[in-house]
């Protein structure tokens, strides 16, 4: 009798905790590092709770940038095109588009 390879679904196994994928963990850490700059500024002004709040908000923005995907809503035509894509990919495509400033259109020719 031979041995056979049985494919296995690995989706979701790269999660460290339930809400953190590797990408969202990295973006959360980057957001927290940016927020820690504000924490240091507010600590020097003896306003540590405000600095911790800024750090938490930046970490939350980082997590959202890395983890949240745009839902597909049938009533909105925009979400039909980008539904299911992560926010990070949409923002990077927007930045690339703004940088290049070129738009290509397809014109169907009748023969």
N, C-alpha and C. Protein backbone atom coordinates (compact mmCIF):
# COMPACT_ATOMS: atom_id res chain seq x y z
N UNK A 1 0.83 -1.16 0.00
CA UNK A 1 0.00 0.00 0.00
C UNK A 1 0.89 1.24 0.00
N UNK A 2 0.55 2.24 -0.81
CA UNK A 2 1.36 3.44 -0.92
C UNK A 2 0.91 4.52 0.05
N UNK A 3 1.76 5.50 0.21
CA UNK A 3 1.41 6.65 1.05
C UNK A 3 0.98 7.79 0.15
N UNK A 4 0.03 8.56 0.62
CA UNK A 4 -0.50 9.65 -0.17
C UNK A 4 -0.46 10.93 0.65
N UNK A 5 -0.20 12.01 -0.05
CA UNK A 5 -0.18 13.33 0.59
C UNK A 5 -1.61 13.85 0.69
N UNK A 6 -2.04 14.18 1.88
CA UNK A 6 -3.37 14.75 2.10
C UNK A 6 -3.19 16.24 2.35
N UNK A 7 -3.74 17.11 1.47
CA UNK A 7 -3.57 18.55 1.67
C UNK A 7 -4.24 19.00 2.96
N UNK A 8 -3.61 19.95 3.58
CA UNK A 8 -4.11 20.45 4.86
C UNK A 8 -4.32 21.95 4.76
N UNK A 9 -5.38 22.42 5.35
CA UNK A 9 -5.68 23.85 5.32
C UNK A 9 -4.89 24.53 6.43
N UNK A 10 -3.92 25.37 6.05
CA UNK A 10 -3.07 26.07 7.01
C UNK A 10 -3.58 27.46 7.33
N UNK A 11 -4.70 27.85 6.76
CA UNK A 11 -5.21 29.20 6.97
C UNK A 11 -5.56 29.41 8.44
N UNK A 12 -5.06 30.47 9.00
CA UNK A 12 -5.35 30.80 10.38
C UNK A 12 -4.35 30.22 11.38
N UNK A 13 -3.43 29.39 10.93
CA UNK A 13 -2.47 28.80 11.86
C UNK A 13 -1.27 29.70 12.11
N UNK A 14 -1.16 30.79 11.36
CA UNK A 14 -0.05 31.72 11.58
C UNK A 14 -0.42 32.77 12.61
N UNK A 15 -1.51 32.59 13.29
CA UNK A 15 -1.95 33.56 14.30
C UNK A 15 -1.25 33.29 15.62
N UNK A 16 -0.77 34.37 16.22
CA UNK A 16 -0.10 34.25 17.51
C UNK A 16 -1.15 34.21 18.61
N UNK A 17 -2.03 35.17 18.63
CA UNK A 17 -3.24 35.13 19.43
C UNK A 17 -4.39 35.16 18.44
N UNK A 18 -5.60 35.08 18.91
CA UNK A 18 -6.72 35.01 17.98
C UNK A 18 -6.83 36.26 17.11
N UNK A 19 -6.57 37.43 17.67
CA UNK A 19 -6.73 38.67 16.91
C UNK A 19 -5.45 39.10 16.20
N UNK A 20 -4.33 38.45 16.45
CA UNK A 20 -3.06 38.89 15.86
C UNK A 20 -2.54 37.89 14.83
N UNK A 21 -2.48 38.33 13.58
CA UNK A 21 -1.69 37.62 12.60
C UNK A 21 -0.28 38.22 12.69
N UNK A 22 0.65 37.67 11.96
CA UNK A 22 2.01 38.20 12.01
C UNK A 22 2.03 39.65 11.51
N UNK A 23 1.29 39.90 10.43
CA UNK A 23 1.25 41.24 9.85
C UNK A 23 0.62 42.24 10.82
N UNK A 24 -0.49 41.87 11.45
CA UNK A 24 -1.14 42.81 12.36
C UNK A 24 -0.33 43.01 13.64
N UNK A 25 0.40 41.99 14.06
CA UNK A 25 1.26 42.16 15.23
C UNK A 25 2.39 43.14 14.95
N UNK A 26 2.96 43.05 13.75
CA UNK A 26 4.04 43.96 13.37
C UNK A 26 3.52 45.40 13.26
N UNK A 27 2.36 45.58 12.62
CA UNK A 27 1.82 46.94 12.48
C UNK A 27 1.37 47.50 13.82
N UNK A 28 0.91 46.64 14.73
CA UNK A 28 0.57 47.10 16.08
C UNK A 28 1.81 47.57 16.82
N UNK A 29 2.90 46.82 16.67
CA UNK A 29 4.16 47.22 17.33
C UNK A 29 4.68 48.54 16.77
N UNK A 30 4.57 48.72 15.45
CA UNK A 30 5.01 49.99 14.85
C UNK A 30 4.14 51.14 15.35
N UNK A 31 2.83 50.93 15.42
CA UNK A 31 1.94 51.96 15.95
C UNK A 31 2.25 52.28 17.40
N UNK A 32 2.56 51.25 18.20
CA UNK A 32 2.90 51.48 19.60
C UNK A 32 4.23 52.24 19.73
N UNK A 33 5.17 51.96 18.82
CA UNK A 33 6.44 52.69 18.86
C UNK A 33 6.24 54.17 18.53
N UNK A 34 5.36 54.44 17.56
CA UNK A 34 5.06 55.84 17.24
C UNK A 34 4.35 56.49 18.42
N UNK A 35 3.44 55.76 19.05
CA UNK A 35 2.75 56.28 20.23
C UNK A 35 3.66 56.47 21.41
N UNK A 36 4.74 55.67 21.50
CA UNK A 36 5.67 55.83 22.62
C UNK A 36 6.43 57.15 22.56
N UNK A 37 6.56 57.72 21.37
CA UNK A 37 7.16 59.05 21.25
C UNK A 37 6.27 60.07 21.97
N UNK A 38 4.96 59.97 21.74
CA UNK A 38 4.03 60.86 22.44
C UNK A 38 4.02 60.58 23.94
N UNK A 39 4.18 59.31 24.31
CA UNK A 39 4.23 58.96 25.73
C UNK A 39 5.43 59.64 26.40
N UNK A 40 6.57 59.63 25.76
CA UNK A 40 7.74 60.29 26.33
C UNK A 40 7.54 61.81 26.44
N UNK A 41 6.90 62.39 25.44
CA UNK A 41 6.64 63.83 25.48
C UNK A 41 5.70 64.17 26.64
N UNK A 42 4.63 63.40 26.76
CA UNK A 42 3.67 63.69 27.83
C UNK A 42 4.20 63.30 29.21
N UNK A 43 5.11 62.33 29.29
CA UNK A 43 5.72 62.00 30.57
C UNK A 43 6.60 63.15 31.05
N UNK A 44 7.25 63.83 30.12
CA UNK A 44 8.08 64.98 30.51
C UNK A 44 7.21 66.15 31.00
N UNK A 45 5.95 66.17 30.61
CA UNK A 45 5.02 67.21 31.05
C UNK A 45 4.17 66.75 32.24
N UNK A 46 4.53 65.61 32.83
CA UNK A 46 3.80 65.00 33.95
C UNK A 46 2.34 64.70 33.61
N UNK A 47 2.12 64.22 32.38
CA UNK A 47 0.79 63.83 31.92
C UNK A 47 0.84 62.41 31.37
N UNK A 48 1.28 61.48 32.20
CA UNK A 48 1.48 60.10 31.77
C UNK A 48 0.20 59.42 31.26
N UNK A 49 -0.97 59.60 31.91
CA UNK A 49 -2.18 58.94 31.39
C UNK A 49 -2.55 59.38 29.97
N UNK A 50 -2.33 60.63 29.67
CA UNK A 50 -2.62 61.13 28.31
C UNK A 50 -1.67 60.46 27.31
N UNK A 51 -0.41 60.33 27.69
CA UNK A 51 0.57 59.67 26.82
C UNK A 51 0.24 58.21 26.59
N UNK A 52 -0.23 57.53 27.63
CA UNK A 52 -0.63 56.13 27.48
C UNK A 52 -1.84 56.03 26.55
N UNK A 53 -2.75 56.99 26.65
CA UNK A 53 -3.90 57.01 25.75
C UNK A 53 -3.48 57.18 24.30
N UNK A 54 -2.54 58.10 24.05
CA UNK A 54 -2.03 58.28 22.69
C UNK A 54 -1.36 57.00 22.18
N UNK A 55 -0.60 56.37 23.04
CA UNK A 55 0.08 55.13 22.65
C UNK A 55 -0.94 54.04 22.31
N UNK A 56 -2.00 53.93 23.09
CA UNK A 56 -3.03 52.92 22.83
C UNK A 56 -3.77 53.21 21.53
N UNK A 57 -4.04 54.49 21.26
CA UNK A 57 -4.74 54.85 20.02
C UNK A 57 -3.88 54.54 18.80
N UNK A 58 -2.59 54.86 18.86
CA UNK A 58 -1.71 54.56 17.73
C UNK A 58 -1.54 53.05 17.55
N UNK A 59 -1.49 52.30 18.63
CA UNK A 59 -1.41 50.84 18.52
C UNK A 59 -2.69 50.28 17.91
N UNK A 60 -3.84 50.84 18.27
CA UNK A 60 -5.11 50.41 17.69
C UNK A 60 -5.16 50.72 16.20
N UNK A 61 -4.69 51.90 15.80
CA UNK A 61 -4.62 52.23 14.38
C UNK A 61 -3.69 51.27 13.64
N UNK A 62 -2.57 50.93 14.25
CA UNK A 62 -1.66 49.97 13.63
C UNK A 62 -2.29 48.62 13.47
N UNK A 63 -3.01 48.15 14.50
CA UNK A 63 -3.67 46.86 14.40
C UNK A 63 -4.73 46.89 13.30
N UNK A 64 -5.50 47.97 13.24
CA UNK A 64 -6.53 48.09 12.21
C UNK A 64 -5.94 48.11 10.81
N UNK A 65 -4.80 48.77 10.66
CA UNK A 65 -4.13 48.82 9.36
C UNK A 65 -3.70 47.43 8.91
N UNK A 66 -3.28 46.59 9.85
CA UNK A 66 -2.78 45.28 9.48
C UNK A 66 -3.80 44.17 9.48
N UNK A 67 -4.94 44.35 10.15
CA UNK A 67 -5.85 43.22 10.33
C UNK A 67 -7.21 43.39 9.68
N UNK A 68 -7.73 44.59 9.60
CA UNK A 68 -9.12 44.77 9.14
C UNK A 68 -9.20 44.67 7.62
N UNK A 69 -10.22 43.95 7.17
CA UNK A 69 -10.50 43.84 5.74
C UNK A 69 -11.80 44.56 5.43
N UNK A 70 -11.90 45.08 4.22
CA UNK A 70 -13.10 45.78 3.79
C UNK A 70 -14.20 44.75 3.51
N UNK A 71 -15.38 44.91 4.10
CA UNK A 71 -16.45 43.94 3.84
C UNK A 71 -17.09 44.18 2.47
N UNK A 72 -17.66 43.13 1.91
CA UNK A 72 -18.38 43.25 0.65
C UNK A 72 -19.84 43.55 0.96
N UNK A 73 -20.30 44.73 0.59
CA UNK A 73 -21.68 45.13 0.80
C UNK A 73 -22.32 45.29 -0.57
N UNK A 74 -23.35 44.51 -0.84
CA UNK A 74 -23.94 44.50 -2.17
C UNK A 74 -24.60 45.83 -2.54
N UNK A 75 -25.03 46.61 -1.57
CA UNK A 75 -25.68 47.88 -1.85
C UNK A 75 -24.72 48.98 -2.28
N UNK A 76 -23.45 48.84 -1.97
CA UNK A 76 -22.46 49.86 -2.33
C UNK A 76 -21.58 49.34 -3.46
N UNK A 77 -21.56 50.02 -4.61
CA UNK A 77 -20.78 49.53 -5.74
C UNK A 77 -19.27 49.54 -5.49
N UNK A 78 -18.78 50.42 -4.61
CA UNK A 78 -17.34 50.49 -4.35
C UNK A 78 -16.86 49.22 -3.65
N UNK A 79 -17.65 48.72 -2.71
CA UNK A 79 -17.22 47.54 -1.96
C UNK A 79 -17.31 46.26 -2.78
N UNK A 80 -18.04 46.27 -3.88
CA UNK A 80 -18.05 45.10 -4.75
C UNK A 80 -16.68 44.89 -5.40
N UNK A 81 -15.97 45.99 -5.64
CA UNK A 81 -14.66 45.91 -6.29
C UNK A 81 -13.55 45.61 -5.31
N UNK A 82 -13.63 46.13 -4.09
CA UNK A 82 -12.53 45.98 -3.14
C UNK A 82 -12.89 45.13 -1.93
N UNK A 83 -14.05 44.51 -1.94
CA UNK A 83 -14.49 43.73 -0.79
C UNK A 83 -13.58 42.54 -0.52
N UNK A 84 -13.23 42.36 0.72
CA UNK A 84 -12.37 41.24 1.13
C UNK A 84 -10.88 41.55 1.12
N UNK A 85 -10.51 42.73 0.69
CA UNK A 85 -9.09 43.10 0.65
C UNK A 85 -8.71 43.84 1.93
N UNK A 86 -7.49 43.61 2.42
CA UNK A 86 -7.05 44.32 3.63
C UNK A 86 -6.87 45.82 3.37
N UNK A 87 -7.08 46.60 4.41
CA UNK A 87 -6.93 48.05 4.30
C UNK A 87 -5.51 48.43 3.91
N UNK A 88 -4.53 47.67 4.39
CA UNK A 88 -3.13 47.99 4.08
C UNK A 88 -2.85 47.93 2.58
N UNK A 89 -3.42 46.93 1.89
CA UNK A 89 -3.20 46.84 0.44
C UNK A 89 -3.89 47.98 -0.30
N UNK A 90 -5.06 48.37 0.14
CA UNK A 90 -5.78 49.46 -0.51
C UNK A 90 -5.04 50.77 -0.34
N UNK A 91 -4.51 51.02 0.85
CA UNK A 91 -3.78 52.27 1.10
C UNK A 91 -2.46 52.29 0.33
N UNK A 92 -1.75 51.16 0.26
CA UNK A 92 -0.50 51.14 -0.51
C UNK A 92 -0.77 51.33 -2.00
N UNK A 93 -1.86 50.77 -2.52
CA UNK A 93 -2.20 51.01 -3.92
C UNK A 93 -2.55 52.47 -4.17
N UNK A 94 -3.24 53.10 -3.21
CA UNK A 94 -3.58 54.52 -3.34
C UNK A 94 -2.33 55.38 -3.34
N UNK A 95 -1.38 55.07 -2.48
CA UNK A 95 -0.13 55.83 -2.43
C UNK A 95 0.65 55.67 -3.73
N UNK A 96 0.70 54.44 -4.26
CA UNK A 96 1.39 54.21 -5.54
C UNK A 96 0.71 54.96 -6.67
N UNK A 97 -0.62 54.98 -6.67
CA UNK A 97 -1.35 55.69 -7.70
C UNK A 97 -1.11 57.19 -7.62
N UNK A 98 -1.11 57.74 -6.42
CA UNK A 98 -0.85 59.18 -6.25
C UNK A 98 0.58 59.53 -6.65
N UNK A 99 1.50 58.60 -6.43
CA UNK A 99 2.89 58.85 -6.77
C UNK A 99 3.12 58.84 -8.28
N UNK A 100 2.51 57.89 -8.97
CA UNK A 100 2.72 57.76 -10.41
C UNK A 100 1.88 58.76 -11.20
N UNK A 101 0.64 59.01 -10.75
CA UNK A 101 -0.28 59.96 -11.39
C UNK A 101 -0.62 59.60 -12.83
N UNK A 102 -0.67 58.34 -13.15
CA UNK A 102 -1.05 57.91 -14.49
C UNK A 102 -2.28 57.04 -14.38
N UNK A 103 -3.15 57.17 -15.34
CA UNK A 103 -4.32 56.32 -15.36
C UNK A 103 -4.40 55.68 -16.74
N UNK A 104 -4.55 54.38 -16.74
CA UNK A 104 -4.66 53.66 -17.98
C UNK A 104 -6.12 53.26 -18.17
N UNK A 105 -6.63 53.53 -19.36
CA UNK A 105 -8.00 53.14 -19.65
C UNK A 105 -8.00 52.18 -20.83
N UNK A 106 -8.97 51.32 -20.83
CA UNK A 106 -9.11 50.35 -21.91
C UNK A 106 -10.26 50.77 -22.78
N UNK A 107 -10.00 50.94 -24.07
CA UNK A 107 -11.03 51.30 -25.02
C UNK A 107 -11.23 50.12 -25.95
N UNK A 108 -12.44 49.61 -25.95
CA UNK A 108 -12.74 48.46 -26.81
C UNK A 108 -12.95 48.94 -28.24
N UNK A 109 -12.20 48.34 -29.14
CA UNK A 109 -12.29 48.73 -30.55
C UNK A 109 -13.19 47.75 -31.28
N UNK A 110 -14.08 48.28 -32.09
CA UNK A 110 -14.92 47.42 -32.92
C UNK A 110 -14.20 47.12 -34.21
N UNK A 111 -14.22 45.86 -34.59
CA UNK A 111 -13.53 45.46 -35.84
C UNK A 111 -14.51 45.10 -36.91
